[in-house]
């Protein structure tokens, strides 16, 4: 494996997102782990186009994005891919979560379609989980993938105004509220992405020093 050097300046690490909140979340996790890295989002490189997510798993999509950014910038890069996996649907929507209803990012349409598909499913069969794969890729091709998972059950109707996507219908195990009814701090503490990002910290330490 190629040795990483960097003197006294913190290593730059790029997160493949233009979501400032996601950058802030990972930065706080890395700082809490005592890691001296300069984390920036993909918006620091506006000329680099977004990568098409053509993988068939969350891990493949995360690796596609991380490798593309690492190759384009010459810096280590992190990317994640996540979605909702419903037991009775065989793990769907899965990687198609953001475009389940046909248009990418139409949260309301995705939610409405999912609830319609599950309308006659009894409580005991409404198990589901949020899943996240986070990948770290180095310019030399080195890669690692970590995962996070938040298990729960699906409500029959949305509840709560926080979060996004399918948060209003997933009730985590042991909770009486949906993810959309949790505070941001409560959600980050148990979320699939929070778990994956925390699992990434020791990998960053190992590979970036």
C-alpha atoms as a PDB file:
ATOM      1  CA  UNK A   1       0.000   0.000   0.000  1.00  0.00           C
ATOM      2  CA  UNK A   2       1.268   3.447  -0.855  1.00  0.00           C
ATOM      3  CA  UNK A   3       2.597   5.401   2.107  1.00  0.00           C
ATOM      4  CA  UNK A   4       0.752   8.610   2.794  1.00  0.00           C
ATOM      5  CA  UNK A   5       2.700  11.725   3.704  1.00  0.00           C
ATOM      6  CA  UNK A   6       1.593  15.213   4.450  1.00  0.00           C
ATOM      7  CA  UNK A   7       3.918  17.027   6.828  1.00  0.00           C
ATOM      8  CA  UNK A   8       2.223  19.194   9.427  1.00  0.00           C
ATOM      9  CA  UNK A   9      -0.669  20.366   7.252  1.00  0.00           C
ATOM     10  CA  UNK A  10      -3.894  18.418   7.741  1.00  0.00           C
ATOM     11  CA  UNK A  11      -4.732  16.025   4.950  1.00  0.00           C
ATOM     12  CA  UNK A  12      -7.580  17.188   2.739  1.00  0.00           C
ATOM     13  CA  UNK A  13     -10.505  14.778   2.601  1.00  0.00           C
ATOM     14  CA  UNK A  14     -13.400  15.355   0.223  1.00  0.00           C
ATOM     15  CA  UNK A  15     -16.950  14.222   0.920  1.00  0.00           C
ATOM     16  CA  UNK A  16     -18.950  13.553  -2.238  1.00  0.00           C
ATOM     17  CA  UNK A  17     -21.916  15.725  -1.380  1.00  0.00           C
ATOM     18  CA  UNK A  18     -23.134  19.279  -1.860  1.00  0.00           C
ATOM     19  CA  UNK A  19     -25.176  18.965   1.347  1.00  0.00           C
ATOM     20  CA  UNK A  20     -23.544  21.221   3.953  1.00  0.00           C
ATOM     21  CA  UNK A  21     -25.309  19.397   6.778  1.00  0.00           C
ATOM     22  CA  UNK A  22     -23.728  16.099   5.817  1.00  0.00           C
ATOM     23  CA  UNK A  23     -20.269  17.718   5.727  1.00  0.00           C
ATOM     24  CA  UNK A  24     -20.845  19.210   9.179  1.00  0.00           C
ATOM     25  CA  UNK A  25     -21.944  15.817  10.527  1.00  0.00           C
ATOM     26  CA  UNK A  26     -18.859  13.954   9.284  1.00  0.00           C
ATOM     27  CA  UNK A  27     -16.525  16.786  10.292  1.00  0.00           C
ATOM     28  CA  UNK A  28     -17.822  16.642  13.881  1.00  0.00           C
ATOM     29  CA  UNK A  29     -17.334  12.852  13.975  1.00  0.00           C
ATOM     30  CA  UNK A  30     -13.755  13.110  12.683  1.00  0.00           C
ATOM     31  CA  UNK A  31     -12.936  15.909  15.120  1.00  0.00           C
ATOM     32  CA  UNK A  32     -14.375  13.898  18.020  1.00  0.00           C
ATOM     33  CA  UNK A  33     -12.093  11.039  16.985  1.00  0.00           C
ATOM     34  CA  UNK A  34      -9.094  13.399  17.176  1.00  0.00           C
ATOM     35  CA  UNK A  35      -8.357  13.245  13.449  1.00  0.00           C
ATOM     36  CA  UNK A  36      -6.449  16.145  11.903  1.00  0.00           C
ATOM     37  CA  UNK A  37      -8.072  16.333   8.475  1.00  0.00           C
ATOM     38  CA  UNK A  38      -9.495  19.162   6.413  1.00  0.00           C
ATOM     39  CA  UNK A  39     -12.927  17.983   5.298  1.00  0.00           C
ATOM     40  CA  UNK A  40     -14.581  19.764   2.376  1.00  0.00           C
ATOM     41  CA  UNK A  41     -17.640  18.979   0.282  1.00  0.00           C
ATOM     42  CA  UNK A  42     -17.794  18.414  -3.450  1.00  0.00           C
ATOM     43  CA  UNK A  43     -18.848  22.037  -3.904  1.00  0.00           C
ATOM     44  CA  UNK A  44     -15.169  22.928  -3.342  1.00  0.00           C
ATOM     45  CA  UNK A  45     -14.689  21.478  -6.846  1.00  0.00           C
ATOM     46  CA  UNK A  46     -17.609  22.892  -8.854  1.00  0.00           C
ATOM     47  CA  UNK A  47     -16.112  21.894 -12.215  1.00  0.00           C
ATOM     48  CA  UNK A  48     -16.276  18.186 -11.395  1.00  0.00           C
ATOM     49  CA  UNK A  49     -19.622  16.724 -12.518  1.00  0.00           C
ATOM     50  CA  UNK A  50     -21.736  14.490 -10.308  1.00  0.00           C
ATOM     51  CA  UNK A  51     -21.197  10.774 -10.842  1.00  0.00           C
ATOM     52  CA  UNK A  52     -24.000   8.590 -12.175  1.00  0.00           C
ATOM     53  CA  UNK A  53     -24.957   5.941  -9.636  1.00  0.00           C
ATOM     54  CA  UNK A  54     -24.924   2.907 -11.935  1.00  0.00           C
ATOM     55  CA  UNK A  55     -24.063   0.305  -9.270  1.00  0.00           C
ATOM     56  CA  UNK A  56     -26.512  -2.379  -8.174  1.00  0.00           C
ATOM     57  CA  UNK A  57     -25.670  -2.129  -4.452  1.00  0.00           C
ATOM     58  CA  UNK A  58     -25.228   0.733  -2.004  1.00  0.00           C
ATOM     59  CA  UNK A  59     -21.522  -0.141  -1.679  1.00  0.00           C
ATOM     60  CA  UNK A  60     -20.962  -0.085  -5.452  1.00  0.00           C
ATOM     61  CA  UNK A  61     -22.566   3.345  -5.779  1.00  0.00           C
ATOM     62  CA  UNK A  62     -20.563   4.747  -2.855  1.00  0.00           C
ATOM     63  CA  UNK A  63     -17.317   3.391  -4.336  1.00  0.00           C
ATOM     64  CA  UNK A  64     -18.129   4.791  -7.790  1.00  0.00           C
ATOM     65  CA  UNK A  65     -18.534   8.281  -6.351  1.00  0.00           C
ATOM     66  CA  UNK A  66     -15.533   8.086  -3.997  1.00  0.00           C
ATOM     67  CA  UNK A  67     -13.129   6.795  -6.670  1.00  0.00           C
ATOM     68  CA  UNK A  68     -14.299   9.355  -9.251  1.00  0.00           C
ATOM     69  CA  UNK A  69     -13.711  12.229  -6.824  1.00  0.00           C
ATOM     70  CA  UNK A  70     -10.341  10.892  -5.643  1.00  0.00           C
ATOM     71  CA  UNK A  71      -9.122  10.480  -9.223  1.00  0.00           C
ATOM     72  CA  UNK A  72     -10.376  13.901 -10.295  1.00  0.00           C
ATOM     73  CA  UNK A  73      -8.901  15.821  -7.347  1.00  0.00           C
ATOM     74  CA  UNK A  74      -5.880  13.815  -6.271  1.00  0.00           C
ATOM     75  CA  UNK A  75      -7.202  13.775  -2.694  1.00  0.00           C
ATOM     76  CA  UNK A  76      -8.759  10.991  -0.618  1.00  0.00           C
ATOM     77  CA  UNK A  77     -12.536  11.012  -0.973  1.00  0.00           C
ATOM     78  CA  UNK A  78     -15.527   9.706   0.954  1.00  0.00           C
ATOM     79  CA  UNK A  79     -18.949   8.962  -0.496  1.00  0.00           C
ATOM     80  CA  UNK A  80     -22.066   7.327   0.851  1.00  0.00           C
ATOM     81  CA  UNK A  81     -25.197   5.798  -0.584  1.00  0.00           C
ATOM     82  CA  UNK A  82     -28.259   4.942   1.421  1.00  0.00           C
ATOM     83  CA  UNK A  83     -31.898   4.019   1.215  1.00  0.00           C
ATOM     84  CA  UNK A  84     -34.855   2.212   2.714  1.00  0.00           C
ATOM     85  CA  UNK A  85     -35.114  -1.583   2.537  1.00  0.00           C
ATOM     86  CA  UNK A  86     -38.554  -3.072   3.215  1.00  0.00           C
ATOM     87  CA  UNK A  87     -38.671  -6.716   4.292  1.00  0.00           C
ATOM     88  CA  UNK A  88     -41.914  -7.670   2.572  1.00  0.00           C
ATOM     89  CA  UNK A  89     -40.716  -6.035  -0.670  1.00  0.00           C
ATOM     90  CA  UNK A  90     -37.547  -8.140  -0.710  1.00  0.00           C
ATOM     91  CA  UNK A  91     -35.349  -5.195   0.230  1.00  0.00           C
ATOM     92  CA  UNK A  92     -36.896  -2.652  -2.146  1.00  0.00           C
ATOM     93  CA  UNK A  93     -36.908   0.294  -2.726  1.00  0.00           C
ATOM     94  CA  UNK A  94     -33.203  -0.140  -1.804  1.00  0.00           C
ATOM     95  CA  UNK A  95     -30.886   1.677  -4.209  1.00  0.00           C
ATOM     96  CA  UNK A  96     -33.972   3.075  -5.974  1.00  0.00           C
ATOM     97  CA  UNK A  97     -35.263   4.787  -2.810  1.00  0.00           C
ATOM     98  CA  UNK A  98     -34.756   8.342  -4.093  1.00  0.00           C
ATOM     99  CA  UNK A  99     -36.573   7.623  -7.366  1.00  0.00           C
ATOM    100  CA  UNK A 100     -39.102   4.973  -6.333  1.00  0.00           C
ATOM    101  CA  UNK A 101     -42.009   6.897  -7.850  1.00  0.00           C
ATOM    102  CA  UNK A 102     -40.101   7.679 -11.052  1.00  0.00           C
ATOM    103  CA  UNK A 103     -38.676  11.160 -10.444  1.00  0.00           C
ATOM    104  CA  UNK A 104     -35.452  11.506  -8.492  1.00  0.00           C
ATOM    105  CA  UNK A 105     -35.861  13.284  -5.162  1.00  0.00           C
ATOM    106  CA  UNK A 106     -39.669  13.556  -5.090  1.00  0.00           C
ATOM    107  CA  UNK A 107     -39.994  12.582  -1.426  1.00  0.00           C
ATOM    108  CA  UNK A 108     -43.768  12.924  -1.226  1.00  0.00           C
ATOM    109  CA  UNK A 109     -44.443  10.852  -4.342  1.00  0.00           C
ATOM    110  CA  UNK A 110     -42.005   8.156  -3.183  1.00  0.00           C
ATOM    111  CA  UNK A 111     -43.656   8.011   0.239  1.00  0.00           C
ATOM    112  CA  UNK A 112     -47.180   7.923  -1.157  1.00  0.00           C
ATOM    113  CA  UNK A 113     -46.319   5.083  -3.544  1.00  0.00           C
ATOM    114  CA  UNK A 114     -44.640   3.031  -0.821  1.00  0.00           C
ATOM    115  CA  UNK A 115     -47.585   3.416   1.569  1.00  0.00           C
ATOM    116  CA  UNK A 116     -50.004   2.441  -1.203  1.00  0.00           C
ATOM    117  CA  UNK A 117     -47.978  -0.687  -1.923  1.00  0.00           C
ATOM    118  CA  UNK A 118     -48.063  -1.635   1.770  1.00  0.00           C
ATOM    119  CA  UNK A 119     -51.646  -0.549   2.504  1.00  0.00           C
ATOM    120  CA  UNK A 120     -52.913  -4.085   3.204  1.00  0.00           C
ATOM    121  CA  UNK A 121     -49.808  -5.322   5.026  1.00  0.00           C
ATOM    122  CA  UNK A 122     -50.358  -6.081   8.726  1.00  0.00           C
ATOM    123  CA  UNK A 123     -48.212  -4.616  11.503  1.00  0.00           C
ATOM    124  CA  UNK A 124     -46.129  -7.746  12.076  1.00  0.00           C
ATOM    125  CA  UNK A 125     -44.960  -7.740   8.461  1.00  0.00           C
ATOM    126  CA  UNK A 126     -44.032  -4.051   8.190  1.00  0.00           C
ATOM    127  CA  UNK A 127     -40.384  -4.453   9.178  1.00  0.00           C
ATOM    128  CA  UNK A 128     -37.862  -2.284   7.365  1.00  0.00           C
ATOM    129  CA  UNK A 129     -34.470  -0.665   7.800  1.00  0.00           C
ATOM    130  CA  UNK A 130     -32.479   2.275   6.579  1.00  0.00           C
ATOM    131  CA  UNK A 131     -29.088   1.178   5.225  1.00  0.00           C
ATOM    132  CA  UNK A 132     -25.983   3.216   4.454  1.00  0.00           C
ATOM    133  CA  UNK A 133     -22.689   2.231   2.828  1.00  0.00           C
ATOM    134  CA  UNK A 134     -19.836   4.734   3.185  1.00  0.00           C
ATOM    135  CA  UNK A 135     -16.704   4.355   1.080  1.00  0.00           C
ATOM    136  CA  UNK A 136     -13.228   5.857   1.409  1.00  0.00           C
ATOM    137  CA  UNK A 137     -11.100   5.856  -1.735  1.00  0.00           C
ATOM    138  CA  UNK A 138      -7.502   7.042  -2.135  1.00  0.00           C
ATOM    139  CA  UNK A 139      -6.010   8.337  -5.393  1.00  0.00           C
ATOM    140  CA  UNK A 140      -3.821   5.196  -5.550  1.00  0.00           C
ATOM    141  CA  UNK A 141      -6.920   2.981  -5.754  1.00  0.00           C
ATOM    142  CA  UNK A 142      -7.012   1.871  -2.115  1.00  0.00           C
ATOM    143  CA  UNK A 143     -10.605   1.544  -0.924  1.00  0.00           C
ATOM    144  CA  UNK A 144     -12.626   0.619   2.151  1.00  0.00           C
ATOM    145  CA  UNK A 145     -16.364   0.351   2.745  1.00  0.00           C
ATOM    146  CA  UNK A 146     -18.211   0.507   6.070  1.00  0.00           C
ATOM    147  CA  UNK A 147     -21.914   0.154   6.770  1.00  0.00           C
ATOM    148  CA  UNK A 148     -24.649   1.409   9.051  1.00  0.00           C
ATOM    149  CA  UNK A 149     -28.183   0.153   9.616  1.00  0.00           C
ATOM    150  CA  UNK A 150     -31.242   1.499  11.448  1.00  0.00           C
ATOM    151  CA  UNK A 151     -33.980  -1.105  11.910  1.00  0.00           C
ATOM    152  CA  UNK A 152     -37.621  -0.343  12.584  1.00  0.00           C
ATOM    153  CA  UNK A 153     -41.189  -0.740  11.391  1.00  0.00           C
ATOM    154  CA  UNK A 154     -43.241   1.268   8.923  1.00  0.00           C
ATOM    155  CA  UNK A 155     -46.212   3.347  10.023  1.00  0.00           C
ATOM    156  CA  UNK A 156     -49.390   3.378   7.960  1.00  0.00           C
ATOM    157  CA  UNK A 157     -49.259   7.173   7.654  1.00  0.00           C
ATOM    158  CA  UNK A 158     -46.507   9.816   7.872  1.00  0.00           C
ATOM    159  CA  UNK A 159     -45.845  11.477  11.224  1.00  0.00           C
ATOM    160  CA  UNK A 160     -43.431  14.294  12.037  1.00  0.00           C
ATOM    161  CA  UNK A 161     -41.954  17.188  10.113  1.00  0.00           C
ATOM    162  CA  UNK A 162     -38.227  16.641  10.606  1.00  0.00           C
ATOM    163  CA  UNK A 163     -35.804  14.749   8.425  1.00  0.00           C
ATOM    164  CA  UNK A 164     -36.535  13.917   4.806  1.00  0.00           C
ATOM    165  CA  UNK A 165     -37.297  11.008   2.500  1.00  0.00           C
ATOM    166  CA  UNK A 166     -38.922   8.126   4.329  1.00  0.00           C
ATOM    167  CA  UNK A 167     -38.188   9.477   7.828  1.00  0.00           C
ATOM    168  CA  UNK A 168     -41.891  10.220   8.549  1.00  0.00           C
ATOM    169  CA  UNK A 169     -42.869   6.534   8.270  1.00  0.00           C
ATOM    170  CA  UNK A 170     -39.962   4.603   9.820  1.00  0.00           C
ATOM    171  CA  UNK A 171     -40.294   4.068  13.570  1.00  0.00           C
ATOM    172  CA  UNK A 172     -36.981   2.779  14.976  1.00  0.00           C
ATOM    173  CA  UNK A 173     -37.095  -0.293  17.193  1.00  0.00           C
ATOM    174  CA  UNK A 174     -37.557   0.706  20.824  1.00  0.00           C
ATOM    175  CA  UNK A 175     -38.997   4.106  19.840  1.00  0.00           C
ATOM    176  CA  UNK A 176     -42.557   5.409  19.900  1.00  0.00           C
ATOM    177  CA  UNK A 177     -41.718   8.182  17.423  1.00  0.00           C
ATOM    178  CA  UNK A 178     -40.777   8.135  13.764  1.00  0.00           C
ATOM    179  CA  UNK A 179     -37.389   9.359  12.557  1.00  0.00           C
ATOM    180  CA  UNK A 180     -39.114  12.592  11.497  1.00  0.00           C
ATOM    181  CA  UNK A 181     -40.252  13.168  15.097  1.00  0.00           C
ATOM    182  CA  UNK A 182     -36.769  12.831  16.587  1.00  0.00           C
ATOM    183  CA  UNK A 183     -34.548  15.859  17.179  1.00  0.00           C
ATOM    184  CA  UNK A 184     -31.574  16.141  14.807  1.00  0.00           C
ATOM    185  CA  UNK A 185     -29.238  15.119  17.651  1.00  0.00           C
ATOM    186  CA  UNK A 186     -31.382  12.086  18.521  1.00  0.00           C
ATOM    187  CA  UNK A 187     -31.552  11.029  14.895  1.00  0.00           C
ATOM    188  CA  UNK A 188     -27.808  11.453  14.278  1.00  0.00           C
ATOM    189  CA  UNK A 189     -27.053   9.310  17.335  1.00  0.00           C
ATOM    190  CA  UNK A 190     -28.853   6.273  15.873  1.00  0.00           C
ATOM    191  CA  UNK A 191     -29.063   6.929  12.129  1.00  0.00           C
ATOM    192  CA  UNK A 192     -27.661   4.573   9.532  1.00  0.00           C
ATOM    193  CA  UNK A 193     -25.463   7.335   8.115  1.00  0.00           C
ATOM    194  CA  UNK A 194     -24.242   8.369  11.567  1.00  0.00           C
ATOM    195  CA  UNK A 195     -23.293   4.749  12.270  1.00  0.00           C
ATOM    196  CA  UNK A 196     -21.462   4.448   8.961  1.00  0.00           C
ATOM    197  CA  UNK A 197     -19.637   7.753   9.400  1.00  0.00           C
ATOM    198  CA  UNK A 198     -18.536   6.777  12.920  1.00  0.00           C
ATOM    199  CA  UNK A 199     -17.277   3.433  11.576  1.00  0.00           C
ATOM    200  CA  UNK A 200     -15.316   5.410   8.982  1.00  0.00           C
ATOM    201  CA  UNK A 201     -13.258   7.330  11.553  1.00  0.00           C
ATOM    202  CA  UNK A 202     -10.826   4.475  12.408  1.00  0.00           C
ATOM    203  CA  UNK A 203     -10.476   3.728   8.685  1.00  0.00           C
ATOM    204  CA  UNK A 204      -9.494   7.347   8.030  1.00  0.00           C
ATOM    205  CA  UNK A 205      -6.970   7.125  10.855  1.00  0.00           C
ATOM    206  CA  UNK A 206      -5.506   3.918   9.437  1.00  0.00           C
ATOM    207  CA  UNK A 207      -5.224   5.059   5.833  1.00  0.00           C
ATOM    208  CA  UNK A 208      -4.474   8.758   6.224  1.00  0.00           C
ATOM    209  CA  UNK A 209      -2.426   8.637   9.414  1.00  0.00           C
END
